[in-house]
Amino acid sequence: MTDDLKCDFCSEPACWSYPARDIVVFELPVRQASKGAWAACDECSQLIDAEDREGLARRSLSRLQPIMRVESRELLETLRTIHVAFWEARLGQRRPLN
């Protein structure tokens, strides 16, 4: 596990990497982009491998909503949009982080 690398889905320490192409998730109001692989913790990785998209969105929400202090429904929709972009950009199976 790499302690300084955080899960791109929930911000827990990451231990997996999913190869992906570079993408732009949002353009406005602020450009949000992702370059290359996405990091994942073990729990998020299990949800990804099971293709449990709703489970992943809800796990992300449960970890991020208290930090971001935004309305849950709005954040959940944003997370779903980001996760769709991940699935579309994904290039292969997970790899362990060294």
N, C-alpha and C. Protein backbone atom coordinates (compact mmCIF):
# COMPACT_ATOMS: atom_id res chain seq x y z
N MET A 1 0.85 -1.18 0.00
CA MET A 1 0.00 0.00 0.00
C MET A 1 0.89 1.24 0.00
N THR A 2 0.52 2.22 -0.78
CA THR A 2 1.25 3.48 -0.84
C THR A 2 0.50 4.49 0.02
N ASP A 3 1.07 4.85 1.17
CA ASP A 3 0.37 5.71 2.12
C ASP A 3 0.06 7.10 1.59
N ASP A 4 0.89 7.62 0.69
CA ASP A 4 0.66 8.99 0.24
C ASP A 4 -0.31 9.07 -0.94
N LEU A 5 -0.62 7.95 -1.58
CA LEU A 5 -1.56 7.96 -2.69
C LEU A 5 -2.95 7.62 -2.17
N LYS A 6 -3.91 8.47 -2.47
CA LYS A 6 -5.28 8.30 -1.98
C LYS A 6 -6.18 7.74 -3.07
N CYS A 7 -7.18 7.02 -2.65
CA CYS A 7 -8.19 6.47 -3.55
C CYS A 7 -8.91 7.61 -4.26
N ASP A 8 -9.02 7.52 -5.57
CA ASP A 8 -9.71 8.55 -6.34
C ASP A 8 -11.22 8.50 -6.15
N PHE A 9 -11.72 7.49 -5.47
CA PHE A 9 -13.16 7.33 -5.27
C PHE A 9 -13.61 7.72 -3.87
N CYS A 10 -12.75 7.50 -2.86
CA CYS A 10 -13.19 7.78 -1.49
C CYS A 10 -12.16 8.48 -0.62
N SER A 11 -10.94 8.66 -1.12
CA SER A 11 -9.84 9.32 -0.42
C SER A 11 -9.19 8.50 0.69
N GLU A 12 -9.52 7.23 0.79
CA GLU A 12 -8.80 6.33 1.71
C GLU A 12 -7.44 6.01 1.07
N PRO A 13 -6.48 5.47 1.83
CA PRO A 13 -5.20 5.07 1.23
C PRO A 13 -5.41 4.05 0.11
N ALA A 14 -4.74 4.25 -1.01
CA ALA A 14 -4.92 3.40 -2.19
C ALA A 14 -3.93 2.24 -2.20
N CYS A 15 -4.35 1.12 -2.77
CA CYS A 15 -3.47 -0.03 -2.94
C CYS A 15 -3.58 -0.63 -4.34
N TRP A 16 -4.47 -0.10 -5.18
CA TRP A 16 -4.68 -0.59 -6.54
C TRP A 16 -4.65 0.57 -7.52
N SER A 17 -4.34 0.23 -8.77
CA SER A 17 -4.32 1.20 -9.86
C SER A 17 -5.09 0.62 -11.04
N TYR A 18 -5.95 1.44 -11.65
CA TYR A 18 -6.70 1.04 -12.84
C TYR A 18 -6.21 1.87 -14.01
N PRO A 19 -5.60 1.23 -15.02
CA PRO A 19 -5.13 2.00 -16.17
C PRO A 19 -6.31 2.66 -16.89
N ALA A 20 -6.10 3.89 -17.33
CA ALA A 20 -7.17 4.63 -18.01
C ALA A 20 -6.55 5.69 -18.91
N ARG A 21 -7.30 6.06 -19.92
CA ARG A 21 -6.84 7.14 -20.79
C ARG A 21 -7.14 8.47 -20.12
N ASP A 22 -6.45 9.52 -20.54
CA ASP A 22 -6.70 10.87 -20.03
C ASP A 22 -8.09 11.33 -20.47
N ILE A 23 -8.81 11.97 -19.57
CA ILE A 23 -10.15 12.44 -19.89
C ILE A 23 -10.42 13.79 -19.23
N VAL A 24 -11.41 14.48 -19.76
CA VAL A 24 -11.98 15.67 -19.13
C VAL A 24 -13.37 15.27 -18.66
N VAL A 25 -13.61 15.38 -17.36
CA VAL A 25 -14.90 14.99 -16.79
C VAL A 25 -15.90 16.14 -16.89
N PHE A 26 -15.47 17.33 -16.52
CA PHE A 26 -16.31 18.53 -16.57
C PHE A 26 -15.49 19.66 -17.19
N GLU A 27 -16.14 20.53 -17.92
CA GLU A 27 -15.49 21.73 -18.44
C GLU A 27 -15.85 22.96 -17.60
N LEU A 28 -17.10 23.06 -17.21
CA LEU A 28 -17.57 24.25 -16.51
C LEU A 28 -18.25 23.86 -15.21
N PRO A 29 -18.19 24.64 -14.18
CA PRO A 29 -17.56 25.95 -14.07
C PRO A 29 -16.05 25.87 -13.96
N VAL A 30 -15.51 24.74 -13.52
CA VAL A 30 -14.06 24.55 -13.43
C VAL A 30 -13.72 23.26 -14.15
N ARG A 31 -12.67 23.29 -14.93
CA ARG A 31 -12.27 22.09 -15.66
C ARG A 31 -11.78 21.02 -14.69
N GLN A 32 -12.37 19.85 -14.78
CA GLN A 32 -11.98 18.70 -13.98
C GLN A 32 -11.50 17.62 -14.94
N ALA A 33 -10.25 17.21 -14.80
CA ALA A 33 -9.68 16.23 -15.70
C ALA A 33 -8.99 15.13 -14.91
N SER A 34 -8.76 14.03 -15.59
CA SER A 34 -8.02 12.92 -15.00
C SER A 34 -6.95 12.49 -16.00
N LYS A 35 -5.74 12.36 -15.50
CA LYS A 35 -4.63 11.93 -16.36
C LYS A 35 -4.20 10.53 -15.95
N GLY A 36 -4.36 9.61 -16.87
CA GLY A 36 -3.87 8.26 -16.65
C GLY A 36 -4.67 7.45 -15.65
N ALA A 37 -3.95 6.58 -14.95
CA ALA A 37 -4.56 5.60 -14.06
C ALA A 37 -5.31 6.23 -12.89
N TRP A 38 -6.31 5.50 -12.42
CA TRP A 38 -7.08 5.90 -11.24
C TRP A 38 -6.67 4.99 -10.09
N ALA A 39 -6.45 5.57 -8.93
CA ALA A 39 -6.08 4.81 -7.73
C ALA A 39 -7.35 4.38 -6.99
N ALA A 40 -7.27 3.23 -6.35
CA ALA A 40 -8.42 2.72 -5.59
C ALA A 40 -7.95 2.01 -4.34
N CYS A 41 -8.73 2.15 -3.28
CA CYS A 41 -8.50 1.38 -2.07
C CYS A 41 -9.07 -0.03 -2.30
N ASP A 42 -8.84 -0.92 -1.36
CA ASP A 42 -9.31 -2.29 -1.52
C ASP A 42 -10.84 -2.37 -1.62
N GLU A 43 -11.54 -1.63 -0.77
CA GLU A 43 -13.01 -1.68 -0.78
C GLU A 43 -13.60 -1.14 -2.08
N CYS A 44 -13.11 -0.01 -2.55
CA CYS A 44 -13.60 0.54 -3.81
C CYS A 44 -13.24 -0.38 -4.97
N SER A 45 -12.05 -0.97 -4.92
CA SER A 45 -11.63 -1.89 -5.97
C SER A 45 -12.57 -3.10 -6.06
N GLN A 46 -12.99 -3.61 -4.93
CA GLN A 46 -13.93 -4.73 -4.93
C GLN A 46 -15.25 -4.33 -5.59
N LEU A 47 -15.72 -3.12 -5.32
CA LEU A 47 -16.95 -2.64 -5.95
C LEU A 47 -16.76 -2.44 -7.45
N ILE A 48 -15.61 -1.92 -7.86
CA ILE A 48 -15.32 -1.74 -9.27
C ILE A 48 -15.29 -3.09 -9.98
N ASP A 49 -14.57 -4.06 -9.42
CA ASP A 49 -14.46 -5.37 -10.05
C ASP A 49 -15.79 -6.10 -10.11
N ALA A 50 -16.67 -5.82 -9.16
CA ALA A 50 -18.02 -6.40 -9.18
C ALA A 50 -18.97 -5.60 -10.08
N GLU A 51 -18.47 -4.50 -10.63
CA GLU A 51 -19.26 -3.56 -11.44
C GLU A 51 -20.50 -3.06 -10.68
N ASP A 52 -20.30 -2.87 -9.38
CA ASP A 52 -21.36 -2.34 -8.52
C ASP A 52 -21.26 -0.81 -8.53
N ARG A 53 -21.77 -0.20 -9.58
CA ARG A 53 -21.65 1.24 -9.77
C ARG A 53 -22.38 2.02 -8.69
N GLU A 54 -23.56 1.57 -8.33
CA GLU A 54 -24.31 2.28 -7.29
C GLU A 54 -23.63 2.12 -5.94
N GLY A 55 -23.13 0.94 -5.65
CA GLY A 55 -22.39 0.72 -4.40
C GLY A 55 -21.17 1.61 -4.31
N LEU A 56 -20.45 1.76 -5.44
CA LEU A 56 -19.27 2.62 -5.47
C LEU A 56 -19.66 4.08 -5.25
N ALA A 57 -20.72 4.52 -5.89
CA ALA A 57 -21.17 5.90 -5.72
C ALA A 57 -21.58 6.16 -4.26
N ARG A 58 -22.27 5.23 -3.66
CA ARG A 58 -22.73 5.41 -2.28
C ARG A 58 -21.56 5.34 -1.29
N ARG A 59 -20.58 4.48 -1.56
CA ARG A 59 -19.39 4.44 -0.69
C ARG A 59 -18.65 5.77 -0.80
N SER A 60 -18.46 6.25 -2.02
CA SER A 60 -17.78 7.53 -2.22
C SER A 60 -18.52 8.64 -1.48
N LEU A 61 -19.82 8.66 -1.62
CA LEU A 61 -20.64 9.68 -0.94
C LEU A 61 -20.44 9.61 0.57
N SER A 62 -20.47 8.41 1.14
CA SER A 62 -20.36 8.28 2.60
C SER A 62 -19.02 8.78 3.13
N ARG A 63 -17.97 8.70 2.30
CA ARG A 63 -16.65 9.15 2.73
C ARG A 63 -16.42 10.63 2.44
N LEU A 64 -16.98 11.13 1.33
CA LEU A 64 -16.67 12.49 0.89
C LEU A 64 -17.66 13.55 1.38
N GLN A 65 -18.91 13.19 1.56
CA GLN A 65 -19.93 14.19 1.93
C GLN A 65 -19.59 14.91 3.23
N PRO A 66 -19.14 14.22 4.29
CA PRO A 66 -18.79 14.95 5.51
C PRO A 66 -17.62 15.93 5.32
N ILE A 67 -16.70 15.59 4.42
CA ILE A 67 -15.54 16.45 4.17
C ILE A 67 -15.94 17.67 3.35
N MET A 68 -16.76 17.43 2.31
CA MET A 68 -17.08 18.49 1.36
C MET A 68 -18.24 19.37 1.83
N ARG A 69 -19.04 18.87 2.75
CA ARG A 69 -20.16 19.64 3.33
C ARG A 69 -21.09 20.21 2.26
N VAL A 70 -21.45 19.36 1.32
CA VAL A 70 -22.43 19.74 0.29
C VAL A 70 -23.63 18.82 0.41
N GLU A 71 -24.70 19.20 -0.23
CA GLU A 71 -25.94 18.42 -0.17
C GLU A 71 -25.73 17.04 -0.78
N SER A 72 -26.18 16.01 -0.10
CA SER A 72 -25.93 14.63 -0.50
C SER A 72 -26.43 14.30 -1.90
N ARG A 73 -27.63 14.71 -2.23
CA ARG A 73 -28.21 14.36 -3.53
C ARG A 73 -27.37 14.94 -4.67
N GLU A 74 -26.97 16.20 -4.52
CA GLU A 74 -26.15 16.86 -5.53
C GLU A 74 -24.78 16.18 -5.67
N LEU A 75 -24.15 15.86 -4.56
CA LEU A 75 -22.85 15.20 -4.60
C LEU A 75 -22.97 13.80 -5.19
N LEU A 76 -24.02 13.06 -4.85
CA LEU A 76 -24.20 11.73 -5.39
C LEU A 76 -24.32 11.76 -6.91
N GLU A 77 -25.04 12.71 -7.45
CA GLU A 77 -25.17 12.83 -8.91
C GLU A 77 -23.82 13.18 -9.55
N THR A 78 -23.06 14.05 -8.91
CA THR A 78 -21.74 14.40 -9.42
C THR A 78 -20.82 13.18 -9.40
N LEU A 79 -20.85 12.42 -8.32
CA LEU A 79 -20.03 11.21 -8.22
C LEU A 79 -20.41 10.20 -9.29
N ARG A 80 -21.69 10.02 -9.53
CA ARG A 80 -22.13 9.10 -10.59
C ARG A 80 -21.57 9.54 -11.95
N THR A 81 -21.60 10.83 -12.23
CA THR A 81 -21.07 11.35 -13.50
C THR A 81 -19.57 11.08 -13.61
N ILE A 82 -18.85 11.32 -12.54
CA ILE A 82 -17.40 11.07 -12.54
C ILE A 82 -17.11 9.59 -12.74
N HIS A 83 -17.89 8.74 -12.09
CA HIS A 83 -17.66 7.30 -12.19
C HIS A 83 -17.98 6.77 -13.60
N VAL A 84 -19.00 7.32 -14.25
CA VAL A 84 -19.28 6.94 -15.64
C VAL A 84 -18.07 7.26 -16.51
N ALA A 85 -17.48 8.43 -16.29
CA ALA A 85 -16.27 8.81 -17.04
C ALA A 85 -15.14 7.82 -16.77
N PHE A 86 -15.00 7.37 -15.53
CA PHE A 86 -13.98 6.37 -15.20
C PHE A 86 -14.21 5.09 -16.00
N TRP A 87 -15.44 4.56 -15.97
CA TRP A 87 -15.71 3.31 -16.67
C TRP A 87 -15.47 3.45 -18.18
N GLU A 88 -15.77 4.60 -18.73
CA GLU A 88 -15.54 4.81 -20.16
C GLU A 88 -14.06 4.95 -20.50
N ALA A 89 -13.26 5.46 -19.57
CA ALA A 89 -11.83 5.68 -19.81
C ALA A 89 -10.97 4.48 -19.42
N ARG A 90 -11.52 3.58 -18.65
CA ARG A 90 -10.76 2.45 -18.12
C ARG A 90 -10.19 1.60 -19.26
N LEU A 91 -8.91 1.21 -19.11
CA LEU A 91 -8.22 0.46 -20.16
C LEU A 91 -7.86 -0.97 -19.77
N GLY A 92 -8.19 -1.39 -18.60
CA GLY A 92 -7.83 -2.76 -18.24
C GLY A 92 -8.09 -3.06 -16.78
N GLN A 93 -7.56 -4.19 -16.36
CA GLN A 93 -7.75 -4.69 -15.00
C GLN A 93 -6.85 -3.94 -14.00
N ARG A 94 -7.22 -4.05 -12.75
CA ARG A 94 -6.45 -3.40 -11.70
C ARG A 94 -5.06 -4.00 -11.60
N ARG A 95 -4.16 -3.16 -11.09
CA ARG A 95 -2.78 -3.56 -10.83
C ARG A 95 -2.43 -3.12 -9.43
N PRO A 96 -1.65 -3.92 -8.71
CA PRO A 96 -1.25 -3.49 -7.36
C PRO A 96 -0.30 -2.30 -7.44
N LEU A 97 -0.43 -1.40 -6.49
CA LEU A 97 0.53 -0.30 -6.36
C LEU A 97 1.75 -0.83 -5.63
N ASN A 98 2.89 -0.39 -6.02
CA ASN A 98 4.13 -0.84 -5.37
C ASN A 98 4.51 0.07 -4.25
